[in-house]
Amino acid sequence: MKQIIIACPGSASTSLMSVINKHSNYKCIQIVNYEHMDHNNSFLRSALKNLMKLKFVNFFNNLHKYLFYKFFSNLVINKLRNTNPTTEYKYLRQHHSDICDFDIHLYHKFCDFLKLNSKIICKQHFPPTEFNKLYLKDFKKIILVRNTEGILKKYKNITSGYFNELEPGLKKELDKWKLGWINEPNSIVIHFENLITNTIDELNKIEAFTDIKFKIDDKFTLEKKNKSI
């Protein structure tokens, strides 16, 4: 079953990702460029195997490939917001690397990656563009949302002296982002405020909607991540 977490910025998606990685049968990642969907980790595994076998030349060759591609994948030009830009969300695109518009190539790359990694669920900030809705229509979608004013307070801390100029555009796009996703079929909407105050109930909703099975007790609390909480 194809499933994805579509997260409004500042909606505690990083905290949810941590819960999934530490307390469930799934792993959660965020894809920000094409290289995240490739098999760069195979170079690292090969390097470690060669080191154990004392094959030092092969070890350094594979380690070099791993470090090169890891560096290459972090170059700005490879961010999805640049390779697959959307003009509908130009303010959010400045702040998030995965504010992008699916095309057929990215869609197939994304699906192939998920087929090879059946126990991985991606959490993304993909905006509700026409193409994104089209390509994700068959996915089960966990939609994380938050009060716009709360998100803007977070942006205010990271936009320095430009916040007053950026605020109207950010507010408009955040409202558009939420309205565009919350009524999509095959979705469940999780509100930030409920996730942090009634964590167990909200995780139970996610569990009932997806293949994710959480291993938590009745005293579990949400870990604070990425300054969203």
Foldseek 3Di string as FASTA:
>chain_A
DFAAEAEQPLLCVVLVQVQLCPFWQAHEEADFFLLVLDPLVVLVVQLVVCVVVVVNVSNVVSVVSSVVSVVVCPDLCGTQCNVANDPLQVLVVVVGSQAGADDPVVLVSVVVSCVVRVRYHYYYNHALDPRVCVSCLPYQYEYGAEDLVLSLVVVVVVPPPCSVVSVVSSSVRSVNRCVSPPPRPNYDYDYSVCCQPVVVVSVVVVVVSDVIDGHDDPVDGGDDPPPSD
